[in-house]
């Protein structure tokens, strides 16, 4: 599929503040091998400044010189987060630029990186509860039920924001080609009805009870915002958007 099948969320590689001590960075296009072809995806990173002024970087995107200068003006990068086993490719580069940072591994990411022959080392593992380093600022859980991939989900208390990666995708048709749009409609991830992609949904078959428990805990956070890595994220009515997007668990 053509690389220009999807438009970027311009401007890219700059900090976009969305609340107190939380920023987004929209990054360049990446390509994933899916359905027998290379599929282009827009990318998005989330940065949180913790209470101790350390920076927590979720799903790091490409690190440019200009972006690094902006980030360094916020504080010291100390945590590099792989939220699931397919969001980790730039962590090695970031770890070399920030050698004092801890690279946190999601379930299965070490094996995935080895299979893909991507050089990256992780220092610690993400669990179903937040570690002491950010328990005051962020809650978390491992969203279980998929036979393919567990995703670690986070909640930033100060901005009332849930931070997701691939559990919901919400592509805007005016940002994609007609050919790509037809594929996105087929797998059910088109705005305003974005959800878990059909192929990933199928991996939850027979194990949805685990996922319902995870969703229940997420709803207890009562989020205002929901950040997604791919497509339009939700700036308000976060809890309602989660209920809608996960109707397939019923």
Protein backbone atom coordinates (compact mmCIF):
# COMPACT_ATOMS: atom_id res chain seq x y z
CA UNK A 1 0.00 0.00 0.00
CA UNK A 2 1.26 3.49 -0.83
CA UNK A 3 2.97 5.38 1.98
CA UNK A 4 0.81 8.45 1.19
CA UNK A 5 -2.41 6.49 1.86
CA UNK A 6 -2.65 8.29 5.19
CA UNK A 7 -2.11 11.92 6.22
CA UNK A 8 -0.07 12.87 9.24
CA UNK A 9 -1.38 14.74 12.26
CA UNK A 10 0.59 17.87 11.51
CA UNK A 11 2.65 19.38 12.93
CA UNK A 12 4.71 16.33 13.78
CA UNK A 13 7.62 15.90 16.18
CA UNK A 14 6.58 18.76 18.46
CA UNK A 15 5.13 18.83 21.97
CA UNK A 16 1.37 19.44 22.17
CA UNK A 17 0.17 20.07 25.70
CA UNK A 18 -3.28 18.62 26.41
CA UNK A 19 -3.46 19.12 30.17
CA UNK A 20 -1.39 19.85 33.25
CA UNK A 21 1.89 17.90 33.00
CA UNK A 22 0.83 15.86 29.96
CA UNK A 23 1.82 16.27 26.29
CA UNK A 24 1.32 14.46 22.99
CA UNK A 25 3.79 14.11 20.14
CA UNK A 26 2.40 13.11 16.76
CA UNK A 27 5.09 11.31 14.83
CA UNK A 28 5.82 10.13 11.29
CA UNK A 29 4.29 7.19 9.44
CA UNK A 30 5.37 3.66 10.28
CA UNK A 31 4.55 0.54 8.27
CA UNK A 32 3.35 -2.77 9.68
CA UNK A 33 3.02 -6.07 7.83
CA UNK A 34 -0.68 -6.95 7.98
CA UNK A 35 -3.11 -8.84 5.77
CA UNK A 36 -0.23 -9.73 3.44
CA UNK A 37 0.70 -6.11 2.70
CA UNK A 38 2.55 -3.21 4.35
CA UNK A 39 0.00 -1.01 6.14
CA UNK A 40 0.90 2.60 7.03
CA UNK A 41 0.01 3.92 10.49
CA UNK A 42 0.25 7.35 12.02
CA UNK A 43 2.11 7.35 15.35
CA UNK A 44 1.63 9.15 18.66
CA UNK A 45 3.62 9.36 21.88
CA UNK A 46 2.46 10.57 25.30
CA UNK A 47 4.75 12.31 27.79
CA UNK A 48 3.87 12.81 31.45
CA UNK A 49 5.85 14.93 33.88
CA UNK A 50 5.74 13.13 37.20
CA UNK A 51 5.47 14.80 40.61
CA UNK A 52 9.26 14.55 41.02
CA UNK A 53 9.72 16.34 37.64
CA UNK A 54 10.95 13.18 35.89
CA UNK A 55 9.55 12.50 32.41
CA UNK A 56 7.59 9.34 31.60
CA UNK A 57 7.50 8.60 27.85
CA UNK A 58 4.83 6.24 26.51
CA UNK A 59 5.41 4.56 23.13
CA UNK A 60 8.33 6.79 22.04
CA UNK A 61 8.24 7.96 18.44
CA UNK A 62 11.22 8.92 16.28
CA UNK A 63 13.62 11.12 18.26
CA UNK A 64 14.70 14.13 16.23
CA UNK A 65 17.18 16.78 17.37
CA UNK A 66 14.44 19.41 17.56
CA UNK A 67 12.10 17.15 19.54
CA UNK A 68 14.87 16.23 21.96
CA UNK A 69 15.53 19.90 22.68
CA UNK A 70 11.85 20.46 23.44
CA UNK A 71 11.67 17.43 25.72
CA UNK A 72 14.85 18.39 27.58
CA UNK A 73 13.24 21.73 28.41
CA UNK A 74 10.50 19.89 30.35
CA UNK A 75 12.65 17.78 32.63
CA UNK A 76 14.78 14.64 32.73
CA UNK A 77 13.68 11.57 30.76
CA UNK A 78 13.64 8.66 33.22
CA UNK A 79 11.04 6.16 31.96
CA UNK A 80 10.63 4.69 28.46
CA UNK A 81 7.43 2.69 28.14
CA UNK A 82 6.67 -0.16 25.75
CA UNK A 83 2.89 -0.52 26.27
CA UNK A 84 2.58 -3.65 24.15
CA UNK A 85 4.82 -5.95 22.16
CA UNK A 86 4.45 -4.05 18.87
CA UNK A 87 5.22 -0.59 20.28
CA UNK A 88 8.91 -0.55 21.14
CA UNK A 89 10.96 0.10 17.98
CA UNK A 90 12.39 3.50 18.99
CA UNK A 91 13.13 2.68 22.64
CA UNK A 92 16.70 1.58 21.83
CA UNK A 93 17.47 4.96 20.25
CA UNK A 94 15.94 6.82 23.19
CA UNK A 95 17.84 4.66 25.69
CA UNK A 96 21.12 5.55 24.01
CA UNK A 97 20.24 9.25 24.14
CA UNK A 98 19.05 8.98 27.75
CA UNK A 99 21.30 6.34 29.38
CA UNK A 100 19.90 7.04 32.86
CA UNK A 101 16.35 6.18 31.74
CA UNK A 102 14.69 2.87 32.60
CA UNK A 103 13.26 0.98 29.62
CA UNK A 104 10.08 -0.78 30.74
CA UNK A 105 9.02 -3.97 28.96
CA UNK A 106 5.44 -4.95 28.17
CA UNK A 107 4.46 -8.65 28.17
CA UNK A 108 6.10 -10.47 25.26
CA UNK A 109 8.09 -7.54 23.90
CA UNK A 110 11.51 -9.06 24.47
CA UNK A 111 10.65 -12.12 22.36
CA UNK A 112 9.04 -9.93 19.70
CA UNK A 113 12.11 -7.69 19.43
CA UNK A 114 14.38 -10.73 19.12
CA UNK A 115 12.18 -12.17 16.36
CA UNK A 116 12.25 -8.86 14.48
CA UNK A 117 16.02 -8.52 15.05
CA UNK A 118 15.58 -5.07 16.60
CA UNK A 119 18.31 -4.18 19.08
CA UNK A 120 16.74 -3.03 22.34
CA UNK A 121 17.37 -3.83 26.00
CA UNK A 122 14.81 -3.53 28.77
CA UNK A 123 15.62 -2.87 32.41
CA UNK A 124 12.30 -3.65 34.12
CA UNK A 125 8.89 -5.20 33.53
CA UNK A 126 5.47 -3.56 33.63
CA UNK A 127 3.04 -5.28 36.00
CA UNK A 128 -0.67 -5.10 36.69
CA UNK A 129 -0.12 -2.34 39.27
CA UNK A 130 2.00 0.82 39.00
CA UNK A 131 5.56 0.68 40.40
CA UNK A 132 6.70 3.07 43.16
CA UNK A 133 8.31 5.34 40.55
CA UNK A 134 4.94 6.66 39.34
CA UNK A 135 2.23 5.30 41.64
CA UNK A 136 1.47 8.85 42.84
CA UNK A 137 0.73 10.05 39.31
CA UNK A 138 -0.43 7.10 37.20
CA UNK A 139 -2.49 3.98 37.67
CA UNK A 140 -2.17 1.02 35.33
CA UNK A 141 -3.39 -2.46 34.46
CA UNK A 142 -2.60 -5.20 31.98
CA UNK A 143 -5.59 -5.59 29.65
CA UNK A 144 -5.88 -9.36 29.34
CA UNK A 145 -7.91 -11.78 27.27
CA UNK A 146 -6.16 -11.71 23.90
CA UNK A 147 -4.27 -14.80 22.77
CA UNK A 148 -2.00 -12.56 20.69
CA UNK A 149 -1.10 -9.56 22.83
CA UNK A 150 -1.53 -8.04 26.28
CA UNK A 151 -1.55 -4.24 26.40
CA UNK A 152 -0.61 -2.19 29.47
CA UNK A 153 -3.17 0.59 29.97
CA UNK A 154 -2.43 3.73 32.00
CA UNK A 155 -4.43 6.45 33.74
CA UNK A 156 -2.97 9.89 34.42
CA UNK A 157 -4.81 11.13 37.46
CA UNK A 158 -4.07 14.87 37.22
CA UNK A 159 -5.52 15.22 33.71
CA UNK A 160 -8.06 12.36 34.04
CA UNK A 161 -6.63 10.68 30.94
CA UNK A 162 -6.58 7.03 29.91
CA UNK A 163 -3.59 6.24 27.69
CA UNK A 164 -4.16 3.41 25.19
CA UNK A 165 -2.16 2.10 22.27
CA UNK A 166 -3.89 -0.42 19.97
CA UNK A 167 -6.95 -1.48 21.97
CA UNK A 168 -8.89 1.29 20.21
CA UNK A 169 -8.05 2.68 16.77
CA UNK A 170 -10.12 5.52 15.33
CA UNK A 171 -9.05 6.56 11.83
CA UNK A 172 -10.63 9.60 10.20
CA UNK A 173 -11.67 8.92 6.61
CA UNK A 174 -10.67 12.41 5.48
CA UNK A 175 -7.09 11.53 6.43
CA UNK A 176 -6.82 8.29 4.45
CA UNK A 177 -7.08 7.23 0.82
CA UNK A 178 -10.28 5.62 -0.45
CA UNK A 179 -8.54 2.26 -0.81
CA UNK A 180 -7.17 2.38 2.72
CA UNK A 181 -10.52 3.64 4.00
CA UNK A 182 -12.27 0.56 2.66
CA UNK A 183 -9.86 -1.69 4.56
CA UNK A 184 -10.33 0.32 7.77
CA UNK A 185 -14.11 0.07 7.46
CA UNK A 186 -13.82 -3.69 6.99
CA UNK A 187 -11.94 -4.11 10.28
CA UNK A 188 -14.18 -1.61 12.10
CA UNK A 189 -11.77 1.14 13.14
CA UNK A 190 -13.23 4.23 11.46
CA UNK A 191 -14.14 7.44 13.30
CA UNK A 192 -16.54 8.09 15.00
CA UNK A 193 -17.05 4.38 15.74
CA UNK A 194 -13.44 3.35 16.38
CA UNK A 195 -12.83 0.21 18.37
CA UNK A 196 -10.47 -2.76 18.59
CA UNK A 197 -9.58 -3.94 15.07
CA UNK A 198 -11.43 -7.06 13.92
CA UNK A 199 -8.33 -9.26 13.73
CA UNK A 200 -7.35 -8.36 17.29
CA UNK A 201 -10.94 -8.75 18.54
CA UNK A 202 -10.96 -12.32 17.26
CA UNK A 203 -8.02 -13.21 19.50
CA UNK A 204 -10.23 -12.58 22.57
CA UNK A 205 -12.68 -15.31 21.60
CA UNK A 206 -13.63 -17.42 24.62
CA UNK A 207 -11.70 -15.25 27.06
CA UNK A 208 -13.73 -12.07 27.17
CA UNK A 209 -14.51 -12.36 30.88
CA UNK A 210 -10.91 -11.38 31.68
CA UNK A 211 -11.28 -8.35 29.44
CA UNK A 212 -14.59 -7.31 30.97
CA UNK A 213 -12.90 -7.19 34.38
CA UNK A 214 -10.18 -4.96 32.93
CA UNK A 215 -12.72 -2.66 31.32
CA UNK A 216 -14.65 -2.41 34.59
CA UNK A 217 -11.52 -1.17 36.33
CA UNK A 218 -10.83 1.33 33.56
CA UNK A 219 -14.35 2.72 33.85
CA UNK A 220 -13.87 3.13 37.59
CA UNK A 221 -11.19 5.67 36.75
CA UNK A 222 -13.99 7.76 35.15
CA UNK A 223 -11.66 9.33 32.56
CA UNK A 224 -12.27 12.62 30.81
CA UNK A 225 -9.84 11.98 27.94
CA UNK A 226 -8.69 8.85 26.08
CA UNK A 227 -5.46 9.00 24.11
CA UNK A 228 -5.02 6.58 21.20
CA UNK A 229 -1.86 5.87 19.22
CA UNK A 230 -3.68 5.67 15.88
CA UNK A 231 -6.36 8.09 14.73
CA UNK A 232 -8.45 10.72 16.48
CA UNK A 233 -8.23 10.59 20.26
CA UNK A 234 -11.06 11.56 22.62
CA UNK A 235 -10.77 14.95 24.29
CA UNK A 236 -13.90 14.56 26.43
CA UNK A 237 -16.55 12.03 27.50
CA UNK A 238 -13.79 9.47 27.95
CA UNK A 239 -15.77 6.96 29.99
CA UNK A 240 -18.65 7.01 27.49
CA UNK A 241 -16.21 6.52 24.60
CA UNK A 242 -14.69 3.49 26.35
CA UNK A 243 -18.13 1.93 26.87
CA UNK A 244 -19.00 2.47 23.21
CA UNK A 245 -15.68 1.21 21.82
CA UNK A 246 -15.78 -1.98 23.90
CA UNK A 247 -19.38 -2.94 23.15
CA UNK A 248 -17.98 -6.02 21.38
CA UNK A 249 -17.14 -7.45 24.83
CA UNK A 250 -20.85 -7.75 25.70
